[in-house]
Amino acid sequence: EYSEEHQDSEVYGKEDQLEAHHVNLGEEELEKERNSLKNIVGTKWLSEDEIIAQAMVFFLAGYETTASTLSFCLFELAVNPVIQDRLFQEIQQAKLLDPTLSYQTIQNLHYLDAVLSEALRKYPPALVIGREFNGEQKYEIPEMANNFSLKKGDCVQFPIYAIHHQPEFYPEPDRFLPDRFLPENRDKLTPYTYLPFGQGPRNCVGLRFAYQEIKLLLGGMLPKFKFTPTLDTPKVLK
C-alpha cells in the first residue's frame, strides 16, 4: 500500500504505481530507487523546449528522411522501368507464398533490399555527419601525412554524399545500379564507404525501423501501382 506522500511524488505519480515493476516493489526498494534518481539531472518531466526538441527530431529524423527516401526510390523506379519490373516480379512471387508480406518475408527480398540500399547510397538523408573526439590521449592517424593526430575536443566531419559518389568506391556513381548491393556483390564494397545511417556504436538508432518501414511501403504500392515519368519529370534530380 502506497502512502499519500508517494502518490503525490514527482518521481512516482499515481499512474506509475500501476506500471511494470513499481507494483511489486517494497518500501525499502522504492526508497533506494528514489535516491538513485536524485543523481539524475532534471526530472522525468520534459520542459516545453525539450518537448519541442524531441518532436523536431521525430519529424526530421523519423518522418522526413523516410518520406524523402521513398520519393527518391519511386523516382528511380519510374525512370528505370526494367528495375521496377524486376522488383515487381520479386514482390509478386513473395506475395504468392505470403500475401501479408510479413517481417520475415520482407527480410528475404534481396532485390528490394538492394533497390533501397542503392537509393540510400545515391541520395543519403544526411549529407555530412560529425563526431567529437573525447579520448584522453592523442590518436595518431598513420594513413595521413605530416603525422596527423586527434586530440580531445577535435571534431571530425564525414562527407557522406561525397564518399557515396566516389568512382573509386562506386563505379558510375551517378547511375542507379541496385545490383551493387546484391548478396553476391556486397563483398566487393569497401568497408565504411556506405554510410546512410552512419557506422559504429553511434549509428542511427532507427536504422532497422526505417528499412522495414520503406520496404513495407514499397511492397504495398508496387503490386497496385505502376510508376511512370511525366513530361515534367526531370531526367536528373538536382
Protein backbone atom coordinates (compact mmCIF):
# COMPACT_ATOMS: atom_id res chain seq x y z
CA GLU A 1 0.00 0.00 0.00
CA TYR A 2 1.40 3.39 -1.04
CA SER A 3 1.43 6.41 1.21
CA GLU A 4 -0.16 9.71 0.21
CA GLU A 5 3.34 11.18 0.01
CA HIS A 6 4.28 8.66 -2.67
CA GLN A 7 1.11 9.29 -4.60
CA ASP A 8 1.93 12.99 -4.80
CA SER A 9 5.62 12.43 -5.51
CA GLU A 10 7.16 13.87 -8.71
CA VAL A 11 9.04 10.61 -9.13
CA TYR A 12 6.13 8.20 -8.55
CA GLY A 13 2.77 9.52 -9.67
CA LYS A 14 -0.47 7.57 -9.34
CA GLU A 15 -0.02 6.19 -12.84
CA ASP A 16 3.48 4.95 -12.08
CA GLN A 17 2.22 2.74 -9.27
CA LEU A 18 0.35 0.61 -11.79
CA GLU A 19 3.27 0.24 -14.20
CA ALA A 20 5.56 -2.76 -14.53
CA HIS A 21 7.97 -3.35 -11.65
CA HIS A 22 6.64 -0.50 -9.48
CA VAL A 23 3.69 -2.62 -8.45
CA ASN A 24 5.74 -5.22 -6.61
CA LEU A 25 8.48 -3.06 -5.12
CA GLY A 26 8.67 -2.86 -1.35
CA GLU A 27 9.14 0.34 0.65
CA GLU A 28 12.91 -0.19 1.02
CA GLU A 29 13.34 -0.83 -2.72
CA LEU A 30 11.28 2.24 -3.57
CA GLU A 31 13.44 4.38 -1.31
CA LYS A 32 16.62 3.11 -2.96
CA GLU A 33 15.25 3.86 -6.40
CA ARG A 34 14.14 7.35 -5.36
CA ASN A 35 17.64 8.06 -4.03
CA SER A 36 19.24 6.84 -7.24
CA LEU A 37 17.03 9.16 -9.30
CA LYS A 38 18.21 12.16 -7.28
CA ASN A 39 21.56 11.92 -9.05
CA ILE A 40 19.98 12.33 -12.47
CA VAL A 41 19.98 15.86 -13.85
CA GLY A 42 16.43 17.14 -14.21
CA THR A 43 13.29 15.09 -13.58
CA LYS A 44 11.16 12.63 -15.50
CA TRP A 45 9.08 15.58 -16.78
CA LEU A 46 10.08 17.33 -20.01
CA SER A 47 10.18 21.11 -20.31
CA GLU A 48 8.39 22.77 -23.22
CA ASP A 49 11.72 23.27 -25.02
CA GLU A 50 12.59 19.59 -24.54
CA ILE A 51 9.21 18.52 -25.91
CA ILE A 52 9.71 20.74 -28.97
CA ALA A 53 13.23 19.38 -29.46
CA GLN A 54 12.04 15.75 -29.32
CA ALA A 55 9.17 16.48 -31.71
CA MET A 56 11.58 18.08 -34.18
CA VAL A 57 13.82 15.02 -34.04
CA PHE A 58 10.84 12.71 -34.62
CA PHE A 59 9.75 14.69 -37.69
CA LEU A 60 13.18 15.36 -39.20
CA ALA A 61 14.95 12.10 -38.35
CA GLY A 62 11.91 9.83 -38.45
CA TYR A 63 9.37 11.10 -40.97
CA GLU A 64 11.14 13.49 -43.36
CA THR A 65 14.05 11.14 -44.06
CA THR A 66 11.74 8.18 -44.66
CA ALA A 67 9.43 10.18 -46.93
CA SER A 68 12.37 11.59 -48.90
CA THR A 69 13.97 8.18 -49.35
CA LEU A 70 10.67 6.72 -50.53
CA SER A 71 10.32 9.60 -53.01
CA PHE A 72 13.82 9.00 -54.37
CA CYS A 73 13.09 5.27 -54.69
CA LEU A 74 9.91 5.90 -56.65
CA PHE A 75 11.64 8.43 -58.90
CA GLU A 76 14.37 5.95 -59.78
CA LEU A 77 11.84 3.17 -60.36
CA ALA A 78 9.83 5.46 -62.65
CA VAL A 79 12.83 6.38 -64.82
CA ASN A 80 14.20 2.82 -64.72
CA PRO A 81 11.25 0.63 -65.78
CA VAL A 82 13.39 -2.51 -66.13
CA ILE A 83 14.41 -2.23 -62.47
CA GLN A 84 10.80 -1.53 -61.45
CA ASP A 85 9.55 -4.60 -63.32
CA ARG A 86 12.21 -6.81 -61.75
CA LEU A 87 11.27 -5.59 -58.29
CA PHE A 88 7.56 -6.02 -59.07
CA GLN A 89 8.16 -9.64 -60.06
CA GLU A 90 10.07 -10.35 -56.83
CA ILE A 91 7.29 -8.88 -54.69
CA GLN A 92 4.59 -10.74 -56.62
CA GLN A 93 6.39 -14.05 -56.13
CA ALA A 94 6.69 -13.35 -52.41
CA LYS A 95 3.00 -12.48 -52.10
CA LEU A 96 2.03 -15.84 -53.62
CA LEU A 97 3.60 -17.53 -50.60
CA ASP A 98 2.80 -14.85 -48.02
CA PRO A 99 0.00 -12.42 -49.03
CA THR A 100 0.58 -10.32 -45.89
CA LEU A 101 4.28 -9.73 -46.63
CA SER A 102 5.32 -10.47 -43.06
CA TYR A 103 8.54 -9.24 -41.48
CA GLN A 104 10.33 -12.49 -42.31
CA THR A 105 9.21 -12.39 -45.94
CA ILE A 106 10.25 -8.76 -46.40
CA GLN A 107 13.66 -9.52 -44.91
CA ASN A 108 14.25 -12.21 -47.55
CA LEU A 109 13.54 -10.00 -50.58
CA HIS A 110 17.10 -9.47 -51.78
CA TYR A 111 16.33 -7.23 -54.75
CA LEU A 112 14.05 -4.99 -52.67
CA ASP A 113 16.88 -4.60 -50.17
CA ALA A 114 19.30 -3.80 -53.00
CA VAL A 115 16.99 -1.17 -54.51
CA LEU A 116 16.58 0.58 -51.16
CA SER A 117 20.30 0.37 -50.41
CA GLU A 118 21.18 1.91 -53.77
CA ALA A 119 18.65 4.70 -53.22
CA LEU A 120 20.25 5.45 -49.85
CA ARG A 121 23.68 5.43 -51.48
CA LYS A 122 22.72 7.83 -54.23
CA TYR A 123 20.55 10.03 -52.03
CA PRO A 124 21.81 9.75 -48.43
CA PRO A 125 19.46 11.50 -45.96
CA ALA A 126 22.40 13.02 -44.07
CA LEU A 127 24.95 14.63 -46.39
CA VAL A 128 27.54 15.07 -43.64
CA ILE A 129 27.89 13.79 -40.08
CA GLY A 130 30.29 14.97 -37.39
CA ARG A 131 31.91 13.36 -34.38
CA GLU A 132 33.87 14.87 -31.48
CA PHE A 133 36.98 13.08 -30.24
CA ASN A 134 36.79 12.57 -26.48
CA GLY A 135 39.87 10.41 -25.89
CA GLU A 136 42.22 11.50 -23.14
CA GLN A 137 45.30 10.75 -25.24
CA LYS A 138 46.10 11.80 -28.79
CA TYR A 139 45.05 9.41 -31.51
CA GLU A 140 47.56 9.05 -34.33
CA ILE A 141 46.25 8.57 -37.88
CA PRO A 142 49.11 6.87 -39.74
CA GLU A 143 47.31 6.95 -43.10
CA MET A 144 47.56 10.75 -43.16
CA ALA A 145 50.70 12.70 -43.94
CA ASN A 146 52.50 15.04 -41.55
CA ASN A 147 51.94 12.78 -38.51
CA PHE A 148 48.34 13.94 -38.12
CA SER A 149 46.71 13.19 -34.79
CA LEU A 150 43.47 13.94 -32.99
CA LYS A 151 43.33 15.47 -29.54
CA LYS A 152 40.41 15.73 -27.15
CA GLY A 153 37.77 18.17 -28.37
CA ASP A 154 38.70 17.90 -32.05
CA CYS A 155 35.77 17.46 -34.43
CA VAL A 156 35.80 15.22 -37.49
CA GLN A 157 33.34 15.51 -40.36
CA PHE A 158 32.47 12.64 -42.69
CA PRO A 159 31.21 13.82 -46.12
CA ILE A 160 28.74 11.00 -46.73
CA TYR A 161 27.40 12.27 -50.05
CA ALA A 162 30.92 12.69 -51.44
CA ILE A 163 32.00 9.23 -50.26
CA HIS A 164 28.90 7.63 -51.81
CA HIS A 165 29.71 9.28 -55.15
CA GLN A 166 33.40 8.41 -55.37
CA PRO A 167 34.07 6.36 -58.55
CA GLU A 168 36.87 4.69 -56.61
CA PHE A 169 34.25 3.05 -54.40
CA TYR A 170 31.21 3.02 -56.69
CA PRO A 171 31.89 2.84 -60.45
CA GLU A 172 29.46 5.04 -62.40
CA PRO A 173 28.25 6.63 -59.15
CA ASP A 174 25.50 8.67 -60.83
CA ARG A 175 23.81 5.58 -62.24
CA PHE A 176 21.15 3.76 -60.24
CA LEU A 177 22.51 0.20 -60.06
CA PRO A 178 20.88 -1.90 -57.31
CA ASP A 179 22.98 -4.93 -58.30
CA ARG A 180 25.86 -3.37 -56.34
CA PHE A 181 24.10 -4.44 -53.15
CA LEU A 182 23.00 -7.96 -54.04
CA PRO A 183 24.43 -10.65 -51.74
CA GLU A 184 26.91 -11.89 -54.36
CA ASN A 185 28.34 -8.37 -54.81
CA ARG A 186 28.37 -6.92 -51.31
CA ASP A 187 31.79 -8.34 -50.54
CA LYS A 188 33.16 -6.04 -53.25
CA LEU A 189 32.17 -2.96 -51.24
CA THR A 190 34.93 -1.16 -49.37
CA PRO A 191 34.16 -1.15 -45.62
CA TYR A 192 32.95 2.19 -44.22
CA THR A 193 32.16 3.66 -47.64
CA TYR A 194 28.40 3.07 -47.21
CA LEU A 195 27.16 5.41 -44.50
CA PRO A 196 23.47 6.37 -44.91
CA PHE A 197 22.94 5.68 -41.20
CA GLY A 198 26.49 6.24 -40.05
CA GLN A 199 28.61 3.40 -38.70
CA GLY A 200 29.88 2.09 -35.41
CA PRO A 201 28.29 2.22 -31.94
CA ARG A 202 26.66 5.62 -32.58
CA ASN A 203 24.99 4.85 -35.88
CA CYS A 204 21.34 5.78 -36.36
CA VAL A 205 19.10 4.14 -33.77
CA GLY A 206 16.27 3.99 -36.33
CA LEU A 207 18.18 2.01 -38.98
CA ARG A 208 16.18 -1.22 -38.85
CA PHE A 209 12.86 0.54 -38.40
CA ALA A 210 13.49 2.83 -41.40
CA TYR A 211 14.48 -0.08 -43.65
CA GLN A 212 11.43 -2.10 -42.64
CA GLU A 213 9.08 0.86 -42.99
CA ILE A 214 10.17 1.72 -46.53
CA LYS A 215 10.23 -1.94 -47.61
CA LEU A 216 6.66 -2.41 -46.40
CA LEU A 217 5.56 0.75 -48.23
CA LEU A 218 7.18 -0.34 -51.49
CA GLY A 219 5.84 -3.85 -51.04
CA GLY A 220 2.34 -2.47 -50.61
CA MET A 221 2.43 0.01 -53.51
CA LEU A 222 4.21 -1.79 -56.34
CA PRO A 223 1.63 -4.59 -56.75
CA LYS A 224 -1.09 -1.95 -57.09
CA PHE A 225 0.57 0.90 -58.99
CA LYS A 226 2.94 1.35 -61.89
CA PHE A 227 5.14 4.44 -61.64
CA THR A 228 6.00 6.30 -64.83
CA PRO A 229 7.63 9.66 -65.57
CA THR A 230 5.61 12.53 -66.96
CA LEU A 231 6.66 15.27 -69.36
CA ASP A 232 7.65 17.36 -66.35
CA THR A 233 9.75 14.66 -64.68
CA PRO A 234 13.45 15.62 -64.81
CA LYS A 235 15.89 13.00 -66.02
CA VAL A 236 18.34 14.00 -63.32
CA LEU A 237 17.35 15.33 -59.90
CA LYS A 238 19.16 18.43 -58.71
